[in-house]
Structures are given as C-alpha cells and as structure tokens.
Amino acid sequence: MAEVAAMFKMSRMTVYRAINSGELRAIRIRGRLLIPAAVIEGLVAEATAERSGGDSPLLGMFRGERS
C-alpha cells in the first residue's frame, strides 16, 4: 500500500479509502490488500487517454476532486 501511495503522491489512508469506495481495485491475500500491477497500468493508460481529450471519474479522485 505504501508503494502505491508514494507512486500517486497521496497518503496510505487515501489509497484505503479509494479501495473501500470501489474506485481502486485491490485483492486480499492472507489478510493483506494488494493492488495488481494491471490496475496501476490501467490508471496510467486512462491518464494518457485523458490527455488526448477523454476524462475519467476515477482519475478525478487521484487529482483531489471530490464527487
């Protein structure tokens, strides 16, 4: 979790909230929450698409926007 938080320059609690709200997909293995690399890659792909004109509500959360 700390790695993802650092990658997106946000707190671990923000990452946990995104997981709990369903905005960020994670899996639980032996009590540990893990975010698959494919999820991170998808966020990067969405960010790239956003630059070309599309907008993603998921990325809004990572920019600090509130819904």
N, C-alpha and C. Protein backbone atom coordinates (compact mmCIF):
# COMPACT_ATOMS: atom_id res chain seq x y z
N MET A 1 0.81 -1.18 0.00
CA MET A 1 0.00 0.00 0.00
C MET A 1 0.87 1.26 0.00
N ALA A 2 1.94 1.22 0.74
CA ALA A 2 2.82 2.38 0.83
C ALA A 2 3.42 2.72 -0.54
N GLU A 3 3.71 1.69 -1.34
CA GLU A 3 4.30 1.92 -2.66
C GLU A 3 3.32 2.64 -3.57
N VAL A 4 2.07 2.22 -3.54
CA VAL A 4 1.04 2.85 -4.38
C VAL A 4 0.82 4.28 -3.91
N ALA A 5 0.75 4.49 -2.61
CA ALA A 5 0.57 5.84 -2.07
C ALA A 5 1.72 6.75 -2.52
N ALA A 6 2.93 6.25 -2.45
CA ALA A 6 4.09 7.05 -2.87
C ALA A 6 4.04 7.32 -4.37
N MET A 7 3.65 6.31 -5.14
CA MET A 7 3.59 6.45 -6.59
C MET A 7 2.63 7.56 -7.00
N PHE A 8 1.49 7.64 -6.31
CA PHE A 8 0.49 8.65 -6.63
C PHE A 8 0.60 9.90 -5.76
N LYS A 9 1.62 9.94 -4.92
CA LYS A 9 1.86 11.09 -4.04
C LYS A 9 0.62 11.43 -3.21
N MET A 10 0.14 10.40 -2.51
CA MET A 10 -1.01 10.57 -1.62
C MET A 10 -0.78 9.73 -0.37
N SER A 11 -1.62 9.92 0.60
CA SER A 11 -1.46 9.17 1.84
C SER A 11 -1.96 7.74 1.68
N ARG A 12 -1.50 6.86 2.55
CA ARG A 12 -1.99 5.48 2.55
C ARG A 12 -3.48 5.45 2.85
N MET A 13 -3.94 6.33 3.71
CA MET A 13 -5.36 6.37 4.05
C MET A 13 -6.20 6.71 2.82
N THR A 14 -5.73 7.58 1.97
CA THR A 14 -6.45 7.92 0.74
C THR A 14 -6.55 6.69 -0.16
N VAL A 15 -5.48 5.90 -0.23
CA VAL A 15 -5.50 4.67 -1.02
C VAL A 15 -6.53 3.70 -0.42
N TYR A 16 -6.53 3.55 0.90
CA TYR A 16 -7.50 2.67 1.55
C TYR A 16 -8.94 3.14 1.28
N ARG A 17 -9.15 4.44 1.32
CA ARG A 17 -10.50 4.97 1.06
C ARG A 17 -10.92 4.68 -0.38
N ALA A 18 -9.99 4.82 -1.32
CA ALA A 18 -10.30 4.54 -2.73
C ALA A 18 -10.65 3.07 -2.91
N ILE A 19 -9.97 2.20 -2.20
CA ILE A 19 -10.27 0.77 -2.27
C ILE A 19 -11.64 0.50 -1.67
N ASN A 20 -11.91 1.06 -0.50
CA ASN A 20 -13.19 0.83 0.19
C ASN A 20 -14.38 1.38 -0.59
N SER A 21 -14.17 2.46 -1.33
CA SER A 21 -15.27 3.04 -2.11
C SER A 21 -15.44 2.37 -3.47
N GLY A 22 -14.51 1.48 -3.83
CA GLY A 22 -14.59 0.79 -5.12
C GLY A 22 -13.92 1.53 -6.25
N GLU A 23 -13.31 2.67 -5.96
CA GLU A 23 -12.64 3.45 -7.01
C GLU A 23 -11.30 2.83 -7.43
N LEU A 24 -10.73 2.03 -6.56
CA LEU A 24 -9.45 1.38 -6.84
C LEU A 24 -9.60 -0.09 -6.50
N ARG A 25 -9.31 -0.95 -7.46
CA ARG A 25 -9.48 -2.39 -7.26
C ARG A 25 -8.28 -2.97 -6.53
N ALA A 26 -8.53 -3.81 -5.57
CA ALA A 26 -7.48 -4.50 -4.82
C ALA A 26 -7.95 -5.91 -4.53
N ILE A 27 -7.00 -6.77 -4.23
CA ILE A 27 -7.33 -8.14 -3.83
C ILE A 27 -6.77 -8.36 -2.44
N ARG A 28 -7.41 -9.27 -1.71
CA ARG A 28 -6.95 -9.58 -0.36
C ARG A 28 -6.37 -10.99 -0.37
N ILE A 29 -5.12 -11.10 0.04
CA ILE A 29 -4.45 -12.39 0.15
C ILE A 29 -3.89 -12.50 1.56
N ARG A 30 -4.38 -13.50 2.28
CA ARG A 30 -3.96 -13.73 3.67
C ARG A 30 -4.01 -12.47 4.51
N GLY A 31 -5.09 -11.73 4.36
CA GLY A 31 -5.28 -10.55 5.18
C GLY A 31 -4.60 -9.29 4.66
N ARG A 32 -3.84 -9.42 3.59
CA ARG A 32 -3.14 -8.25 3.02
C ARG A 32 -3.86 -7.74 1.79
N LEU A 33 -4.03 -6.44 1.70
CA LEU A 33 -4.59 -5.85 0.49
C LEU A 33 -3.47 -5.61 -0.51
N LEU A 34 -3.68 -6.09 -1.73
CA LEU A 34 -2.69 -5.91 -2.79
C LEU A 34 -3.37 -5.28 -3.99
N ILE A 35 -2.70 -4.37 -4.64
CA ILE A 35 -3.21 -3.75 -5.85
C ILE A 35 -2.44 -4.34 -7.02
N PRO A 36 -3.13 -5.08 -7.89
CA PRO A 36 -2.44 -5.72 -9.01
C PRO A 36 -1.78 -4.70 -9.94
N ALA A 37 -0.68 -5.09 -10.53
CA ALA A 37 0.04 -4.21 -11.47
C ALA A 37 -0.87 -3.80 -12.62
N ALA A 38 -1.77 -4.69 -13.05
CA ALA A 38 -2.69 -4.37 -14.15
C ALA A 38 -3.58 -3.18 -13.81
N VAL A 39 -3.94 -3.04 -12.53
CA VAL A 39 -4.76 -1.90 -12.11
C VAL A 39 -3.97 -0.61 -12.26
N ILE A 40 -2.71 -0.64 -11.82
CA ILE A 40 -1.85 0.54 -11.95
C ILE A 40 -1.65 0.88 -13.42
N GLU A 41 -1.39 -0.14 -14.24
CA GLU A 41 -1.20 0.08 -15.68
C GLU A 41 -2.45 0.67 -16.31
N GLY A 42 -3.62 0.23 -15.85
CA GLY A 42 -4.87 0.78 -16.35
C GLY A 42 -5.03 2.25 -16.01
N LEU A 43 -4.62 2.63 -14.80
CA LEU A 43 -4.68 4.04 -14.40
C LEU A 43 -3.77 4.88 -15.28
N VAL A 44 -2.59 4.36 -15.57
CA VAL A 44 -1.65 5.07 -16.44
C VAL A 44 -2.25 5.21 -17.84
N ALA A 45 -2.87 4.15 -18.36
CA ALA A 45 -3.50 4.19 -19.68
C ALA A 45 -4.63 5.22 -19.70
N GLU A 46 -5.43 5.27 -18.62
CA GLU A 46 -6.51 6.25 -18.55
C GLU A 46 -5.95 7.67 -18.51
N ALA A 47 -4.87 7.86 -17.79
CA ALA A 47 -4.27 9.19 -17.70
C ALA A 47 -3.76 9.62 -19.07
N THR A 48 -3.22 8.69 -19.83
CA THR A 48 -2.75 9.00 -21.17
C THR A 48 -3.92 9.35 -22.07
N ALA A 49 -5.02 8.60 -21.96
CA ALA A 49 -6.22 8.88 -22.75
C ALA A 49 -6.82 10.23 -22.36
N GLU A 50 -6.74 10.55 -21.07
CA GLU A 50 -7.28 11.81 -20.59
C GLU A 50 -6.58 12.99 -21.25
N ARG A 51 -5.28 12.88 -21.44
CA ARG A 51 -4.52 13.95 -22.08
C ARG A 51 -4.97 14.17 -23.52
N SER A 52 -5.51 13.11 -24.14
CA SER A 52 -5.96 13.23 -25.53
C SER A 52 -7.43 13.62 -25.61
N GLY A 53 -8.04 13.99 -24.49
CA GLY A 53 -9.40 14.53 -24.54
C GLY A 53 -10.42 13.81 -23.70
N GLY A 54 -10.22 12.54 -23.37
CA GLY A 54 -11.19 11.81 -22.54
C GLY A 54 -11.04 12.20 -21.09
N ASP A 55 -12.07 11.98 -20.30
CA ASP A 55 -11.97 12.27 -18.87
C ASP A 55 -12.50 11.09 -18.09
N SER A 56 -11.80 10.72 -17.04
CA SER A 56 -12.18 9.57 -16.24
C SER A 56 -12.53 10.02 -14.84
N PRO A 57 -13.70 9.63 -14.31
CA PRO A 57 -14.04 9.99 -12.93
C PRO A 57 -13.09 9.37 -11.92
N LEU A 58 -12.53 8.20 -12.25
CA LEU A 58 -11.57 7.56 -11.35
C LEU A 58 -10.34 8.44 -11.18
N LEU A 59 -9.85 9.01 -12.27
CA LEU A 59 -8.66 9.84 -12.16
C LEU A 59 -8.94 11.15 -11.43
N GLY A 60 -10.20 11.61 -11.47
CA GLY A 60 -10.54 12.81 -10.73
C GLY A 60 -10.26 12.66 -9.25
N MET A 61 -10.50 11.47 -8.73
CA MET A 61 -10.23 11.20 -7.32
C MET A 61 -8.74 11.34 -7.02
N PHE A 62 -7.90 10.92 -7.97
CA PHE A 62 -6.46 11.00 -7.74
C PHE A 62 -5.92 12.42 -7.95
N ARG A 63 -6.72 13.26 -8.58
CA ARG A 63 -6.33 14.67 -8.71
C ARG A 63 -6.83 15.49 -7.53
N GLY A 64 -7.58 14.87 -6.64
CA GLY A 64 -8.09 15.56 -5.47
C GLY A 64 -9.49 16.10 -5.62
N GLU A 65 -10.15 15.78 -6.76
CA GLU A 65 -11.52 16.23 -6.95
C GLU A 65 -12.46 15.39 -6.10
N ARG A 66 -13.50 15.99 -5.62
CA ARG A 66 -14.49 15.28 -4.80
C ARG A 66 -15.79 15.19 -5.59
N SER A 67 -16.46 14.05 -5.47
CA SER A 67 -17.75 13.92 -6.17
C SER A 67 -18.90 14.03 -5.22
